[in-house]
Amino acid sequence: MRYIRRFLIFISLVLFFRLFAQIFNEIDLIPNYTITFVDEEISQVDRFQNLNESKEYSKSQIYKYQKINKERSDTANSQLMMIVVLVIIQLFFYFLTTEKAQSKILNAQTKILKQKFSAEIRTFADSK
């Protein structure tokens, strides 16, 4: 049981650090770069003279955002599965610990009752 517990702790730590790395990649560390990128995109749209160029650019942007949305959806699905696995592992630890604690309490109570019962039997035997 000790090896299973260590293995599950290792798996949960690996999944936790993977989630952390995935979320860290989504943080916008350089907001000025993003603003500059948006300004460049707007200036590129303003330079279009032909309607067909504008249509082609819009279509390419739509396909690009569709691809990005699909990638984010896949990432979110993998993160959700990791969270589910982590919750299952934590529930396993909780119920395992609870069962052990309850059995220890029952053993302690049984031991106390045996001691009291044996003490009562001794006092009863001594009184006769």
Foldseek 3Di string as FASTA:
>chain_A
DVVVLVVLVVLLVVLVVVLVVVVVVVDDPDVVVVVVVVVVVVVVLVPDPDPVVNVVVVVVVVVVVVVVVVVVVVVVVVNVVSVVSNVVSVVVVVVVVVVVVVVVVVVVVVVVVVVVVVVVVVVVVVVD
